[in-house]
Amino acid sequence: MESLPKITDRVRLPLAIKVPPYLLDHQFQGKAVLPAVEAMEILAASTLAHLPGTAVHCIRDAGFDKFLVISEGCDALNAYNDLEVLDNGTVISRLITKTRSKKAMITRTLEHATLCFQGVSIASEAPPLEIPAFSDPSSSKYHISVETIYKSLVPFGPHYHNLKDGVTISEEDAMGRVYAPSWGAAPAGLLGSPFPLDAAFHAACVWGQRYAGLVGFPVGFGLRRLFAPTRSGSTHTARIFPKKVHPDRFLADIWITDMDGALQEAVLDVVMRDVSGGRIKPPSWIVSDAAEGKGSDTKY
């Protein structure tokens, strides 16, 4: 039996995370929370600064298990990047915060995001991934306007209204144009603009409300591979291909291309989970008959 990789280096790097006003528009149950796309950028930048040459454009086995809440009036978050380097070359990066109870005088550590950087760099070989074929144009499709999405289905503030022209969904897939705003408060970083992938998550959430009967947030994925990071001021096409529905979550693949169809990034085995414990339900008007009876490991 092959031995498990061993940790060869471990370090805890302090992070001072600035809170620009646009982040306050990303909310869950009335509280602003750090988006997964921002957590990835923060960890990638910190990791690359400490370990130059790390292949941050290939992320595996990501998890976003606990929201990092942004308190009202907060302009910076104190956090840490817990780094581990394994002898097989894998770099594990964790975004953590520490809180102290005044009554019990106990320090509590919370883990908000975990990423594994492993594999190829952005300048490596041509994309080995092939975008799946979209569903038959004659199949039943359902279009939801951008106004309806951000009023009733994904009630984020205006800085996160980046699904252009709404989303078109069927039981087999979803597609929408996603936008990277060009205002200066959110420049594209190492992993590109955070907004196109975040908007693609919105499209996946809409699909889940109609065909899985749940309101899902991204809590992890198997692989994110970037080939040409998105840039501010650009528009892209996001395609979502659901793979499996469970009672409280569903899995999907997300493909983002430029407007000419060239692959820019792929995020595979995305886990969209109901993080409310069933307290938040989709509005009845969007749930399709196909969602009834789903939830017992339905495959696509």
Protein backbone atom coordinates (compact mmCIF):
# COMPACT_ATOMS: atom_id res chain seq x y z
CA MET A 1 0.00 0.00 0.00
CA GLU A 2 1.30 3.42 -1.03
CA SER A 3 2.24 5.71 1.84
CA LEU A 4 0.33 8.96 2.30
CA PRO A 5 2.09 12.25 1.44
CA LYS A 6 3.95 13.82 4.35
CA ILE A 7 3.98 17.48 5.36
CA THR A 8 7.39 18.99 4.63
CA ASP A 9 6.64 22.59 5.57
CA ARG A 10 3.93 24.44 7.47
CA VAL A 11 3.45 28.18 8.02
CA ARG A 12 0.68 30.55 9.13
CA LEU A 13 0.63 33.82 7.15
CA PRO A 14 -1.35 36.83 8.44
CA LEU A 15 -3.91 38.35 6.05
CA ALA A 16 -5.36 41.84 6.22
CA ILE A 17 -8.38 41.59 3.93
CA LYS A 18 -9.69 44.95 2.77
CA VAL A 19 -13.47 45.29 2.59
CA PRO A 20 -14.42 47.50 -0.37
CA PRO A 21 -18.08 48.61 -0.45
CA TYR A 22 -19.05 46.19 -3.23
CA LEU A 23 -18.54 43.19 -0.94
CA LEU A 24 -21.45 44.32 1.23
CA ASP A 25 -23.82 43.44 -1.65
CA HIS A 26 -22.95 39.74 -1.31
CA GLN A 27 -25.33 38.61 1.42
CA PHE A 28 -26.86 35.55 3.04
CA GLN A 29 -29.88 36.03 5.27
CA GLY A 30 -29.18 39.75 5.61
CA LYS A 31 -25.47 39.40 6.48
CA ALA A 32 -22.62 40.26 4.14
CA VAL A 33 -20.35 37.25 3.57
CA LEU A 34 -17.06 36.89 1.72
CA PRO A 35 -17.70 35.25 -1.68
CA ALA A 36 -15.90 32.01 -2.51
CA VAL A 37 -14.35 33.67 -5.57
CA GLU A 38 -12.77 36.34 -3.34
CA ALA A 39 -11.46 33.72 -0.90
CA MET A 40 -9.77 31.91 -3.79
CA GLU A 41 -8.09 35.10 -5.01
CA ILE A 42 -6.89 36.02 -1.50
CA LEU A 43 -5.39 32.58 -0.88
CA ALA A 44 -3.85 32.37 -4.35
CA ALA A 45 -2.13 35.76 -3.98
CA SER A 46 -0.86 35.00 -0.47
CA THR A 47 0.38 31.54 -1.44
CA LEU A 48 2.17 32.73 -4.58
CA ALA A 49 3.87 35.54 -2.65
CA HIS A 50 5.21 33.05 -0.11
CA LEU A 51 5.92 30.21 -2.56
CA PRO A 52 6.78 31.71 -5.98
CA GLY A 53 6.09 29.29 -8.78
CA THR A 54 3.05 27.66 -7.18
CA ALA A 55 0.55 26.63 -9.87
CA VAL A 56 -2.33 28.69 -8.50
CA HIS A 57 -4.25 28.45 -11.80
CA CYS A 58 -5.00 24.79 -11.09
CA ILE A 59 -7.06 24.33 -7.91
CA ARG A 60 -8.29 20.97 -6.66
CA ASP A 61 -10.49 19.72 -3.84
CA ALA A 62 -11.76 23.14 -2.77
CA GLY A 63 -14.08 23.52 0.18
CA PHE A 64 -16.03 26.55 1.46
CA ASP A 65 -17.67 25.18 4.56
CA LYS A 66 -18.16 28.26 6.77
CA PHE A 67 -19.17 31.76 5.77
CA LEU A 68 -16.78 34.54 6.70
CA VAL A 69 -19.24 37.19 7.86
CA ILE A 70 -18.41 40.85 7.21
CA SER A 71 -19.74 42.92 10.11
CA GLU A 72 -21.49 46.21 9.44
CA GLY A 73 -18.98 49.07 9.37
CA CYS A 74 -16.01 46.74 9.00
CA ASP A 75 -13.35 47.97 6.56
CA ALA A 76 -10.83 45.13 7.04
CA LEU A 77 -10.84 41.49 8.14
CA ASN A 78 -8.01 39.89 10.08
CA ALA A 79 -7.42 36.34 8.92
CA TYR A 80 -4.66 33.84 8.17
CA ASN A 81 -3.48 31.64 5.36
CA ASP A 82 -2.51 28.29 6.89
CA LEU A 83 -0.13 26.72 4.38
CA GLU A 84 1.05 23.13 4.22
CA VAL A 85 3.48 21.79 1.64
CA LEU A 86 3.40 18.04 1.03
CA ASP A 87 6.29 15.95 -0.23
CA ASN A 88 4.40 15.18 -3.46
CA GLY A 89 4.35 18.89 -4.37
CA THR A 90 0.79 19.62 -3.33
CA VAL A 91 0.26 22.93 -1.52
CA ILE A 92 -2.75 23.10 0.82
CA SER A 93 -4.00 26.58 1.65
CA ARG A 94 -6.63 27.34 4.28
CA LEU A 95 -8.36 30.63 5.06
CA ILE A 96 -8.92 30.78 8.80
CA THR A 97 -10.01 33.32 11.40
CA LYS A 98 -9.58 33.37 15.17
CA THR A 99 -12.18 34.69 17.61
CA ARG A 100 -11.97 34.96 21.37
CA SER A 101 -14.88 34.52 23.77
CA LYS A 102 -14.84 37.26 26.41
CA LYS A 103 -16.72 35.14 28.92
CA ALA A 104 -14.89 31.83 28.57
CA MET A 105 -11.56 33.35 27.48
CA ILE A 106 -11.33 30.67 24.80
CA THR A 107 -9.80 31.27 21.34
CA ARG A 108 -11.77 29.64 18.57
CA THR A 109 -10.35 28.92 15.11
CA LEU A 110 -12.74 28.79 12.14
CA GLU A 111 -11.80 27.39 8.73
CA HIS A 112 -13.63 29.18 5.93
CA ALA A 113 -11.96 27.92 2.74
CA THR A 114 -9.54 25.17 1.75
CA LEU A 115 -7.73 24.90 -1.60
CA CYS A 116 -5.20 22.45 -3.00
CA PHE A 117 -2.79 23.90 -5.55
CA GLN A 118 -1.46 21.07 -7.63
CA GLY A 119 -0.71 20.41 -11.24
CA VAL A 120 -0.02 22.51 -14.30
CA SER A 121 0.63 26.22 -14.63
CA ILE A 122 -1.37 28.59 -16.81
CA ALA A 123 1.34 28.56 -19.49
CA SER A 124 1.23 24.78 -19.93
CA GLU A 125 -0.22 22.70 -22.72
CA ALA A 126 -3.40 23.55 -24.65
CA PRO A 127 -6.66 22.77 -22.87
CA PRO A 128 -7.16 18.99 -22.64
CA LEU A 129 -10.81 19.54 -21.74
CA GLU A 130 -13.68 19.46 -24.20
CA ILE A 131 -16.85 21.43 -23.51
CA PRO A 132 -19.88 19.12 -23.56
CA ALA A 133 -22.51 19.56 -26.24
CA PHE A 134 -25.42 21.79 -25.21
CA SER A 135 -28.92 20.34 -25.09
CA ASP A 136 -31.06 19.91 -28.17
CA PRO A 137 -32.51 23.31 -29.18
CA SER A 138 -35.91 21.65 -29.52
CA SER A 139 -35.94 20.53 -25.87
CA SER A 140 -38.05 22.40 -23.34
CA LYS A 141 -36.26 25.53 -22.14
CA TYR A 142 -37.17 28.15 -19.58
CA HIS A 143 -35.83 31.70 -19.61
CA ILE A 144 -35.70 33.84 -16.47
CA SER A 145 -35.00 37.55 -16.70
CA VAL A 146 -32.15 39.22 -14.86
CA GLU A 147 -34.67 41.39 -12.95
CA THR A 148 -36.50 38.33 -11.65
CA ILE A 149 -33.29 36.53 -10.72
CA TYR A 150 -31.93 39.32 -8.54
CA LYS A 151 -35.28 40.24 -7.05
CA SER A 152 -36.62 36.80 -6.16
CA LEU A 153 -34.02 34.05 -6.62
CA VAL A 154 -30.54 35.44 -5.87
CA PRO A 155 -31.28 38.59 -3.84
CA PHE A 156 -27.81 40.15 -3.88
CA GLY A 157 -27.08 43.86 -4.17
CA PRO A 158 -26.42 45.62 -7.51
CA HIS A 159 -22.66 45.01 -7.62
CA TYR A 160 -23.44 41.30 -8.02
CA HIS A 161 -26.06 41.64 -10.78
CA ASN A 162 -23.70 40.23 -13.38
CA LEU A 163 -25.87 37.70 -15.21
CA LYS A 164 -26.53 39.70 -18.38
CA ASP A 165 -29.94 39.15 -20.00
CA GLY A 166 -30.94 36.50 -17.46
CA VAL A 167 -30.42 32.75 -17.84
CA THR A 168 -31.90 30.05 -20.06
CA ILE A 169 -32.30 26.67 -18.41
CA SER A 170 -33.53 23.19 -19.22
CA GLU A 171 -33.45 20.01 -17.19
CA GLU A 172 -30.12 19.13 -18.82
CA ASP A 173 -28.23 22.44 -18.64
CA ALA A 174 -28.21 26.21 -18.17
CA MET A 175 -26.60 29.06 -20.06
CA GLY A 176 -26.17 32.78 -19.54
CA ARG A 177 -23.87 35.66 -20.37
CA VAL A 178 -21.75 36.74 -17.41
CA TYR A 179 -20.08 40.11 -17.03
CA ALA A 180 -16.92 41.40 -15.36
CA PRO A 181 -17.63 45.01 -14.35
CA SER A 182 -14.89 47.53 -15.07
CA TRP A 183 -15.27 49.90 -12.12
CA GLY A 184 -11.97 50.29 -10.30
CA ALA A 185 -12.96 48.89 -6.90
CA ALA A 186 -12.63 45.28 -8.05
CA PRO A 187 -9.69 44.90 -10.45
CA ALA A 188 -8.95 41.50 -11.92
CA GLY A 189 -6.39 39.61 -9.86
CA LEU A 190 -4.28 36.51 -10.37
CA LEU A 191 -7.38 34.43 -11.07
CA GLY A 192 -9.04 37.08 -13.21
CA SER A 193 -12.16 39.07 -12.37
CA PRO A 194 -14.14 37.42 -9.54
CA PHE A 195 -17.50 38.33 -11.04
CA PRO A 196 -18.01 36.00 -14.06
CA LEU A 197 -17.58 32.80 -12.03
CA ASP A 198 -19.69 34.25 -9.21
CA ALA A 199 -22.44 35.00 -11.75
CA ALA A 200 -22.11 31.45 -13.11
CA PHE A 201 -22.79 30.21 -9.57
CA HIS A 202 -25.97 32.34 -9.68
CA ALA A 203 -27.03 30.57 -12.87
CA ALA A 204 -26.39 27.20 -11.21
CA CYS A 205 -28.44 28.34 -8.20
CA VAL A 206 -31.35 29.23 -10.49
CA TRP A 207 -31.15 25.81 -12.15
CA GLY A 208 -31.20 24.15 -8.73
CA GLN A 209 -34.28 26.06 -7.63
CA ARG A 210 -36.23 24.95 -10.66
CA TYR A 211 -35.03 21.37 -11.20
CA ALA A 212 -33.67 20.27 -7.81
CA GLY A 213 -36.11 22.17 -5.61
CA LEU A 214 -33.41 23.70 -3.41
CA VAL A 215 -31.49 26.96 -2.99
CA GLY A 216 -27.84 25.99 -3.35
CA PHE A 217 -24.64 27.88 -2.53
CA PRO A 218 -21.22 26.73 -3.81
CA VAL A 219 -19.49 24.85 -0.98
CA GLY A 220 -16.75 23.11 -2.94
CA PHE A 221 -15.51 21.69 -6.22
CA GLY A 222 -13.18 19.02 -7.53
CA LEU A 223 -11.14 21.04 -10.02
CA ARG A 224 -10.85 24.63 -11.22
CA ARG A 225 -8.58 25.09 -14.22
CA LEU A 226 -7.92 28.56 -15.67
CA PHE A 227 -6.59 28.97 -19.20
CA ALA A 228 -7.22 32.68 -19.88
CA PRO A 229 -8.41 34.51 -16.74
CA THR A 230 -11.36 36.84 -17.28
CA ARG A 231 -10.65 40.56 -17.31
CA SER A 232 -12.58 43.61 -16.14
CA GLY A 233 -14.96 45.04 -18.72
CA SER A 234 -15.43 41.74 -20.55
CA THR A 235 -18.48 39.57 -21.21
CA HIS A 236 -18.39 35.78 -21.33
CA THR A 237 -20.67 32.78 -21.74
CA ALA A 238 -21.23 30.47 -18.79
CA ARG A 239 -22.61 26.97 -19.34
CA ILE A 240 -23.73 24.78 -16.48
CA PHE A 241 -24.15 21.01 -16.81
CA PRO A 242 -25.81 19.34 -13.78
CA LYS A 243 -24.54 15.86 -12.96
CA LYS A 244 -26.29 14.54 -9.86
CA VAL A 245 -29.00 15.67 -7.42
CA HIS A 246 -29.01 14.70 -3.74
CA PRO A 247 -31.62 15.65 -1.12
CA ASP A 248 -29.71 18.75 0.07
CA ARG A 249 -27.30 19.49 -2.79
CA PHE A 250 -26.46 18.92 -6.42
CA LEU A 251 -23.28 18.57 -8.47
CA ALA A 252 -22.57 20.45 -11.70
CA ASP A 253 -19.78 21.36 -14.10
CA ILE A 254 -19.29 25.00 -15.12
CA TRP A 255 -17.58 26.10 -18.34
CA ILE A 256 -16.76 29.74 -19.08
CA THR A 257 -15.80 30.80 -22.60
CA ASP A 258 -15.21 34.08 -24.35
CA MET A 259 -17.83 35.32 -26.79
CA ASP A 260 -16.08 33.44 -29.62
CA GLY A 261 -16.34 30.15 -27.77
CA ALA A 262 -12.71 29.80 -26.61
CA LEU A 263 -12.43 28.09 -23.22
CA GLN A 264 -11.28 30.39 -20.44
CA GLU A 265 -11.89 28.26 -17.38
CA ALA A 266 -13.61 25.09 -16.24
CA VAL A 267 -14.85 24.31 -12.74
CA LEU A 268 -15.77 20.65 -12.38
CA ASP A 269 -17.79 18.79 -9.76
CA VAL A 270 -19.12 21.97 -8.18
CA VAL A 271 -21.15 21.19 -5.05
CA MET A 272 -24.19 23.48 -4.70
CA ARG A 273 -25.67 22.84 -1.25
CA ASP A 274 -28.62 24.10 0.75
CA VAL A 275 -26.70 25.79 3.58
CA SER A 276 -29.88 26.93 5.34
CA GLY A 277 -30.75 23.47 6.63
CA GLY A 278 -33.99 23.54 4.65
CA ARG A 279 -35.17 26.88 6.05
CA ILE A 280 -34.87 28.68 2.71
CA LYS A 281 -37.06 27.33 -0.07
CA PRO A 282 -37.37 28.32 -3.73
CA PRO A 283 -40.52 30.26 -4.61
CA SER A 284 -43.24 27.85 -5.65
CA TRP A 285 -43.62 29.41 -9.11
CA ILE A 286 -40.14 28.35 -10.23
CA VAL A 287 -40.10 24.74 -9.00
CA SER A 288 -40.84 22.44 -11.93
CA ASP A 289 -42.80 19.23 -11.78
CA ALA A 290 -39.52 17.50 -12.62
CA ALA A 291 -38.12 18.56 -9.23
CA GLU A 292 -40.85 16.68 -7.39
CA GLY A 293 -39.54 13.30 -6.37
CA LYS A 294 -35.91 14.28 -6.99
CA GLY A 295 -33.36 14.29 -4.26
CA SER A 296 -32.61 10.59 -4.03
CA ASP A 297 -29.35 10.55 -6.00
CA THR A 298 -30.81 11.48 -9.38
CA LYS A 299 -28.18 11.27 -12.16
CA TYR A 300 -27.97 13.21 -15.43
